[in-house]
Amino acid sequence: MGEMTFEQGMEELERLVRGLEAGEMSLEESFQAFERGIHLEKALKKMLEEGDAKIRVLTEEGERAMRGEGQE
C-alpha cells in the first residue's frame, strides 16, 4: 500500500467496519477485513502520534520565540 493519508485510512477503516457489521462477508473475508482493520488502526494511531509530536515541537518553539528565548 503506498503512502496513505489519514483521511484515506479512516475511509477504508470505516468501509471495513460497515462490511463487518453488515455480516455479509464469509468467515475468511471477515478475518481478512479484521486483520486489515487492525493494521489500519495501528498506522492511523502512529500518524496521530507523529502529528501530536510535531505540534508539541512547534508550540514549544513558538512559546520560546514569544518569550525571546534562544535569540542571540
PDB file of N, CA and C in Angstrom:
ATOM      1  N   MET A   1       0.872  -1.178   0.000  1.00  0.00           N
ATOM      2  CA  MET A   1       0.000   0.000   0.000  1.00  0.00           C
ATOM      3  C   MET A   1       0.902   1.219   0.000  1.00  0.00           C
ATOM      4  N   GLY A   2       0.862   2.073  -0.949  1.00  0.00           N
ATOM      5  CA  GLY A   2       1.714   3.245  -0.996  1.00  0.00           C
ATOM      6  C   GLY A   2       1.457   4.177   0.170  1.00  0.00           C
ATOM      7  N   GLU A   3       1.828   5.408  -0.017  1.00  0.00           N
ATOM      8  CA  GLU A   3       1.623   6.417   1.017  1.00  0.00           C
ATOM      9  C   GLU A   3       0.125   6.695   1.154  1.00  0.00           C
ATOM     10  N   MET A   4      -0.371   6.592   2.359  1.00  0.00           N
ATOM     11  CA  MET A   4      -1.797   6.770   2.632  1.00  0.00           C
ATOM     12  C   MET A   4      -1.965   8.000   3.513  1.00  0.00           C
ATOM     13  N   THR A   5      -2.954   8.813   3.196  1.00  0.00           N
ATOM     14  CA  THR A   5      -3.255   9.933   4.077  1.00  0.00           C
ATOM     15  C   THR A   5      -4.103   9.426   5.236  1.00  0.00           C
ATOM     16  N   PHE A   6      -4.180  10.232   6.274  1.00  0.00           N
ATOM     17  CA  PHE A   6      -5.005   9.869   7.423  1.00  0.00           C
ATOM     18  C   PHE A   6      -6.461   9.701   6.989  1.00  0.00           C
ATOM     19  N   GLU A   7      -6.925  10.622   6.155  1.00  0.00           N
ATOM     20  CA  GLU A   7      -8.322  10.583   5.701  1.00  0.00           C
ATOM     21  C   GLU A   7      -8.605   9.324   4.888  1.00  0.00           C
ATOM     22  N   GLN A   8      -7.678   8.940   4.022  1.00  0.00           N
ATOM     23  CA  GLN A   8      -7.857   7.724   3.229  1.00  0.00           C
ATOM     24  C   GLN A   8      -7.918   6.496   4.139  1.00  0.00           C
ATOM     25  N   GLY A   9      -7.039   6.472   5.131  1.00  0.00           N
ATOM     26  CA  GLY A   9      -7.033   5.352   6.075  1.00  0.00           C
ATOM     27  C   GLY A   9      -8.325   5.261   6.857  1.00  0.00           C
ATOM     28  N   MET A  10      -8.836   6.406   7.293  1.00  0.00           N
ATOM     29  CA  MET A  10     -10.098   6.412   8.034  1.00  0.00           C
ATOM     30  C   MET A  10     -11.253   5.940   7.164  1.00  0.00           C
ATOM     31  N   GLU A  11     -11.275   6.387   5.905  1.00  0.00           N
ATOM     32  CA  GLU A  11     -12.339   5.959   4.999  1.00  0.00           C
ATOM     33  C   GLU A  11     -12.311   4.450   4.791  1.00  0.00           C
ATOM     34  N   GLU A  12     -11.107   3.906   4.599  1.00  0.00           N
ATOM     35  CA  GLU A  12     -11.006   2.459   4.412  1.00  0.00           C
ATOM     36  C   GLU A  12     -11.428   1.715   5.669  1.00  0.00           C
ATOM     37  N   LEU A  13     -10.987   2.208   6.820  1.00  0.00           N
ATOM     38  CA  LEU A  13     -11.362   1.571   8.078  1.00  0.00           C
ATOM     39  C   LEU A  13     -12.876   1.605   8.278  1.00  0.00           C
ATOM     40  N   GLU A  14     -13.501   2.722   7.965  1.00  0.00           N
ATOM     41  CA  GLU A  14     -14.956   2.828   8.089  1.00  0.00           C
ATOM     42  C   GLU A  14     -15.659   1.855   7.148  1.00  0.00           C
ATOM     43  N   ARG A  15     -15.148   1.699   5.925  1.00  0.00           N
ATOM     44  CA  ARG A  15     -15.732   0.732   4.982  1.00  0.00           C
ATOM     45  C   ARG A  15     -15.625  -0.687   5.527  1.00  0.00           C
ATOM     46  N   LEU A  16     -14.457  -1.008   6.087  1.00  0.00           N
ATOM     47  CA  LEU A  16     -14.269  -2.344   6.654  1.00  0.00           C
ATOM     48  C   LEU A  16     -15.242  -2.592   7.800  1.00  0.00           C
ATOM     49  N   VAL A  17     -15.396  -1.615   8.664  1.00  0.00           N
ATOM     50  CA  VAL A  17     -16.306  -1.765   9.808  1.00  0.00           C
ATOM     51  C   VAL A  17     -17.737  -1.955   9.318  1.00  0.00           C
ATOM     52  N   ARG A  18     -18.146  -1.129   8.348  1.00  0.00           N
ATOM     53  CA  ARG A  18     -19.511  -1.289   7.812  1.00  0.00           C
ATOM     54  C   ARG A  18     -19.699  -2.684   7.221  1.00  0.00           C
ATOM     55  N   GLY A  19     -18.694  -3.171   6.494  1.00  0.00           N
ATOM     56  CA  GLY A  19     -18.774  -4.505   5.909  1.00  0.00           C
ATOM     57  C   GLY A  19     -18.880  -5.585   6.966  1.00  0.00           C
ATOM     58  N   LEU A  20     -18.094  -5.450   8.022  1.00  0.00           N
ATOM     59  CA  LEU A  20     -18.157  -6.440   9.096  1.00  0.00           C
ATOM     60  C   LEU A  20     -19.497  -6.386   9.815  1.00  0.00           C
ATOM     61  N   GLU A  21     -19.995  -5.171  10.052  1.00  0.00           N
ATOM     62  CA  GLU A  21     -21.278  -5.027  10.752  1.00  0.00           C
ATOM     63  C   GLU A  21     -22.437  -5.555   9.925  1.00  0.00           C
ATOM     64  N   ALA A  22     -22.319  -5.470   8.612  1.00  0.00           N
ATOM     65  CA  ALA A  22     -23.395  -5.955   7.745  1.00  0.00           C
ATOM     66  C   ALA A  22     -23.528  -7.473   7.822  1.00  0.00           C
ATOM     67  N   GLY A  23     -22.444  -8.144   8.179  1.00  0.00           N
ATOM     68  CA  GLY A  23     -22.496  -9.592   8.352  1.00  0.00           C
ATOM     69  C   GLY A  23     -22.642 -10.365   7.056  1.00  0.00           C
ATOM     70  N   GLU A  24     -22.289  -9.762   5.935  1.00  0.00           N
ATOM     71  CA  GLU A  24     -22.468 -10.432   4.649  1.00  0.00           C
ATOM     72  C   GLU A  24     -21.174 -11.026   4.106  1.00  0.00           C
ATOM     73  N   MET A  25     -20.093 -10.929   4.851  1.00  0.00           N
ATOM     74  CA  MET A  25     -18.817 -11.488   4.418  1.00  0.00           C
ATOM     75  C   MET A  25     -18.705 -12.934   4.858  1.00  0.00           C
ATOM     76  N   SER A  26     -17.920 -13.687   4.090  1.00  0.00           N
ATOM     77  CA  SER A  26     -17.612 -15.047   4.530  1.00  0.00           C
ATOM     78  C   SER A  26     -16.697 -14.949   5.747  1.00  0.00           C
ATOM     79  N   LEU A  27     -16.505 -16.062   6.401  1.00  0.00           N
ATOM     80  CA  LEU A  27     -15.643 -16.077   7.573  1.00  0.00           C
ATOM     81  C   LEU A  27     -14.229 -15.646   7.188  1.00  0.00           C
ATOM     82  N   GLU A  28     -13.716 -16.161   6.082  1.00  0.00           N
ATOM     83  CA  GLU A  28     -12.369 -15.807   5.626  1.00  0.00           C
ATOM     84  C   GLU A  28     -12.280 -14.316   5.297  1.00  0.00           C
ATOM     85  N   GLU A  29     -13.275 -13.783   4.612  1.00  0.00           N
ATOM     86  CA  GLU A  29     -13.294 -12.350   4.303  1.00  0.00           C
ATOM     87  C   GLU A  29     -13.351 -11.513   5.578  1.00  0.00           C
ATOM     88  N   SER A  30     -14.111 -11.984   6.548  1.00  0.00           N
ATOM     89  CA  SER A  30     -14.202 -11.272   7.832  1.00  0.00           C
ATOM     90  C   SER A  30     -12.861 -11.241   8.537  1.00  0.00           C
ATOM     91  N   PHE A  31     -12.140 -12.372   8.538  1.00  0.00           N
ATOM     92  CA  PHE A  31     -10.812 -12.415   9.144  1.00  0.00           C
ATOM     93  C   PHE A  31      -9.863 -11.457   8.437  1.00  0.00           C
ATOM     94  N   GLN A  32      -9.911 -11.447   7.110  1.00  0.00           N
ATOM     95  CA  GLN A  32      -9.043 -10.556   6.339  1.00  0.00           C
ATOM     96  C   GLN A  32      -9.380  -9.091   6.618  1.00  0.00           C
ATOM     97  N   ALA A  33     -10.672  -8.779   6.680  1.00  0.00           N
ATOM     98  CA  ALA A  33     -11.098  -7.412   6.957  1.00  0.00           C
ATOM     99  C   ALA A  33     -10.671  -6.991   8.358  1.00  0.00           C
ATOM    100  N   PHE A  34     -10.814  -7.903   9.315  1.00  0.00           N
ATOM    101  CA  PHE A  34     -10.414  -7.606  10.692  1.00  0.00           C
ATOM    102  C   PHE A  34      -8.911  -7.359  10.760  1.00  0.00           C
ATOM    103  N   GLU A  35      -8.131  -8.217  10.108  1.00  0.00           N
ATOM    104  CA  GLU A  35      -6.685  -8.069  10.104  1.00  0.00           C
ATOM    105  C   GLU A  35      -6.275  -6.741   9.463  1.00  0.00           C
ATOM    106  N   ARG A  36      -6.912  -6.404   8.348  1.00  0.00           N
ATOM    107  CA  ARG A  36      -6.626  -5.137   7.680  1.00  0.00           C
ATOM    108  C   ARG A  36      -7.013  -3.962   8.592  1.00  0.00           C
ATOM    109  N   GLY A  37      -8.127  -4.081   9.276  1.00  0.00           N
ATOM    110  CA  GLY A  37      -8.566  -3.038  10.190  1.00  0.00           C
ATOM    111  C   GLY A  37      -7.573  -2.805  11.317  1.00  0.00           C
ATOM    112  N   ILE A  38      -7.017  -3.882  11.864  1.00  0.00           N
ATOM    113  CA  ILE A  38      -6.013  -3.757  12.924  1.00  0.00           C
ATOM    114  C   ILE A  38      -4.778  -3.047  12.382  1.00  0.00           C
ATOM    115  N   HIS A  39      -4.353  -3.424  11.180  1.00  0.00           N
ATOM    116  CA  HIS A  39      -3.197  -2.770  10.551  1.00  0.00           C
ATOM    117  C   HIS A  39      -3.473  -1.277  10.355  1.00  0.00           C
ATOM    118  N   LEU A  40      -4.650  -0.941   9.856  1.00  0.00           N
ATOM    119  CA  LEU A  40      -5.009   0.461   9.646  1.00  0.00           C
ATOM    120  C   LEU A  40      -5.047   1.225  10.958  1.00  0.00           C
ATOM    121  N   GLU A  41      -5.622   0.624  11.977  1.00  0.00           N
ATOM    122  CA  GLU A  41      -5.714   1.289  13.290  1.00  0.00           C
ATOM    123  C   GLU A  41      -4.331   1.640  13.806  1.00  0.00           C
ATOM    124  N   LYS A  42      -3.389   0.716  13.673  1.00  0.00           N
ATOM    125  CA  LYS A  42      -2.026   0.979  14.137  1.00  0.00           C
ATOM    126  C   LYS A  42      -1.374   2.089  13.315  1.00  0.00           C
ATOM    127  N   ALA A  43      -1.556   2.047  11.999  1.00  0.00           N
ATOM    128  CA  ALA A  43      -0.962   3.068  11.128  1.00  0.00           C
ATOM    129  C   ALA A  43      -1.562   4.442  11.416  1.00  0.00           C
ATOM    130  N   LEU A  44      -2.880   4.499  11.620  1.00  0.00           N
ATOM    131  CA  LEU A  44      -3.541   5.770  11.900  1.00  0.00           C
ATOM    132  C   LEU A  44      -3.126   6.322  13.270  1.00  0.00           C
ATOM    133  N   LYS A  45      -2.994   5.442  14.239  1.00  0.00           N
ATOM    134  CA  LYS A  45      -2.550   5.861  15.572  1.00  0.00           C
ATOM    135  C   LYS A  45      -1.142   6.446  15.484  1.00  0.00           C
ATOM    136  N   LYS A  46      -0.268   5.808  14.706  1.00  0.00           N
ATOM    137  CA  LYS A  46       1.094   6.310  14.543  1.00  0.00           C
ATOM    138  C   LYS A  46       1.074   7.691  13.887  1.00  0.00           C
ATOM    139  N   MET A  47       0.222   7.878  12.877  1.00  0.00           N
ATOM    140  CA  MET A  47       0.116   9.187  12.224  1.00  0.00           C
ATOM    141  C   MET A  47      -0.312  10.258  13.222  1.00  0.00           C
ATOM    142  N   LEU A  48      -1.285   9.933  14.060  1.00  0.00           N
ATOM    143  CA  LEU A  48      -1.754  10.893  15.063  1.00  0.00           C
ATOM    144  C   LEU A  48      -0.657  11.220  16.064  1.00  0.00           C
ATOM    145  N   GLU A  49       0.073  10.205  16.502  1.00  0.00           N
ATOM    146  CA  GLU A  49       1.145  10.431  17.467  1.00  0.00           C
ATOM    147  C   GLU A  49       2.243  11.303  16.861  1.00  0.00           C
ATOM    148  N   GLU A  50       2.579  11.047  15.587  1.00  0.00           N
ATOM    149  CA  GLU A  50       3.592  11.859  14.916  1.00  0.00           C
ATOM    150  C   GLU A  50       3.107  13.300  14.752  1.00  0.00           C
ATOM    151  N   GLY A  51       1.859  13.467  14.401  1.00  0.00           N
ATOM    152  CA  GLY A  51       1.293  14.809  14.280  1.00  0.00           C
ATOM    153  C   GLY A  51       1.284  15.533  15.610  1.00  0.00           C
ATOM    154  N   ASP A  52       0.941  14.826  16.659  1.00  0.00           N
ATOM    155  CA  ASP A  52       0.940  15.409  18.001  1.00  0.00           C
ATOM    156  C   ASP A  52       2.342  15.855  18.391  1.00  0.00           C
ATOM    157  N   ALA A  53       3.337  15.028  18.086  1.00  0.00           N
ATOM    158  CA  ALA A  53       4.722  15.379  18.417  1.00  0.00           C
ATOM    159  C   ALA A  53       5.154  16.634  17.659  1.00  0.00           C
ATOM    160  N   LYS A  54       4.775  16.740  16.391  1.00  0.00           N
ATOM    161  CA  LYS A  54       5.116  17.927  15.602  1.00  0.00           C
ATOM    162  C   LYS A  54       4.474  19.178  16.198  1.00  0.00           C
ATOM    163  N   ILE A  55       3.222  19.060  16.586  1.00  0.00           N
ATOM    164  CA  ILE A  55       2.519  20.203  17.180  1.00  0.00           C
ATOM    165  C   ILE A  55       3.188  20.620  18.473  1.00  0.00           C
ATOM    166  N   ARG A  56       3.587  19.653  19.288  1.00  0.00           N
ATOM    167  CA  ARG A  56       4.263  19.973  20.555  1.00  0.00           C
ATOM    168  C   ARG A  56       5.573  20.714  20.301  1.00  0.00           C
ATOM    169  N   VAL A  57       6.348  20.254  19.315  1.00  0.00           N
ATOM    170  CA  VAL A  57       7.618  20.916  18.999  1.00  0.00           C
ATOM    171  C   VAL A  57       7.349  22.334  18.519  1.00  0.00           C
ATOM    172  N   LEU A  58       6.418  22.493  17.598  1.00  0.00           N
ATOM    173  CA  LEU A  58       6.119  23.826  17.068  1.00  0.00           C
ATOM    174  C   LEU A  58       5.589  24.752  18.152  1.00  0.00           C
ATOM    175  N   THR A  59       4.760  24.229  19.024  1.00  0.00           N
ATOM    176  CA  THR A  59       4.205  25.035  20.111  1.00  0.00           C
ATOM    177  C   THR A  59       5.313  25.485  21.056  1.00  0.00           C
ATOM    178  N   GLU A  60       6.209  24.553  21.406  1.00  0.00           N
ATOM    179  CA  GLU A  60       7.312  24.907  22.304  1.00  0.00           C
ATOM    180  C   GLU A  60       8.222  25.942  21.652  1.00  0.00           C
ATOM    181  N   GLU A  61       8.516  25.770  20.356  1.00  0.00           N
ATOM    182  CA  GLU A  61       9.354  26.739  19.656  1.00  0.00           C
ATOM    183  C   GLU A  61       8.685  28.111  19.619  1.00  0.00           C
ATOM    184  N   GLY A  62       7.390  28.129  19.369  1.00  0.00           N
ATOM    185  CA  GLY A  62       6.649  29.386  19.335  1.00  0.00           C
ATOM    186  C   GLY A  62       6.625  30.071  20.685  1.00  0.00           C
ATOM    187  N   GLU A  63       6.454  29.292  21.735  1.00  0.00           N
ATOM    188  CA  GLU A  63       6.441  29.868  23.082  1.00  0.00           C
ATOM    189  C   GLU A  63       7.804  30.452  23.436  1.00  0.00           C
ATOM    190  N   ARG A  64       8.883  29.743  23.070  1.00  0.00           N
ATOM    191  CA  ARG A  64      10.227  30.266  23.337  1.00  0.00           C
ATOM    192  C   ARG A  64      10.457  31.560  22.560  1.00  0.00           C
ATOM    193  N   ALA A  65      10.012  31.593  21.317  1.00  0.00           N
ATOM    194  CA  ALA A  65      10.189  32.807  20.486  1.00  0.00           C
ATOM    195  C   ALA A  65       9.417  33.975  21.085  1.00  0.00           C
ATOM    196  N   MET A  66       8.229  33.719  21.604  1.00  0.00           N
ATOM    197  CA  MET A  66       7.425  34.793  22.193  1.00  0.00           C
ATOM    198  C   MET A  66       8.073  35.323  23.464  1.00  0.00           C
ATOM    199  N   ARG A  67       8.765  34.465  24.200  1.00  0.00           N
ATOM    200  CA  ARG A  67       9.450  34.880  25.426  1.00  0.00           C
ATOM    201  C   ARG A  67      10.814  35.481  25.123  1.00  0.00           C
ATOM    202  N   GLY A  68      11.260  35.370  23.878  1.00  0.00           N
ATOM    203  CA  GLY A  68      12.560  35.910  23.490  1.00  0.00           C
ATOM    204  C   GLY A  68      13.713  34.993  23.819  1.00  0.00           C
ATOM    205  N   GLU A  69      13.417  33.746  24.130  1.00  0.00           N
ATOM    206  CA  GLU A  69      14.472  32.787  24.435  1.00  0.00           C
ATOM    207  C   GLU A  69      15.105  32.307  23.141  1.00  0.00           C
ATOM    208  N   GLY A  70      16.360  31.948  23.208  1.00  0.00           N
ATOM    209  CA  GLY A  70      17.032  31.388  22.055  1.00  0.00           C
ATOM    210  C   GLY A  70      17.469  32.414  21.038  1.00  0.00           C
ATOM    211  N   GLN A  71      17.210  33.684  21.288  1.00  0.00           N
ATOM    212  CA  GLN A  71      17.646  34.740  20.376  1.00  0.00           C
ATOM    213  C   GLN A  71      18.982  35.278  20.847  1.00  0.00           C
ATOM    214  N   GLU A  72      19.888  35.443  19.910  1.00  0.00           N
ATOM    215  CA  GLU A  72      21.217  35.922  20.301  1.00  0.00           C
ATOM    216  C   GLU A  72      21.451  37.305  19.811  1.00  0.00           C
TER     217      GLU A  72
END
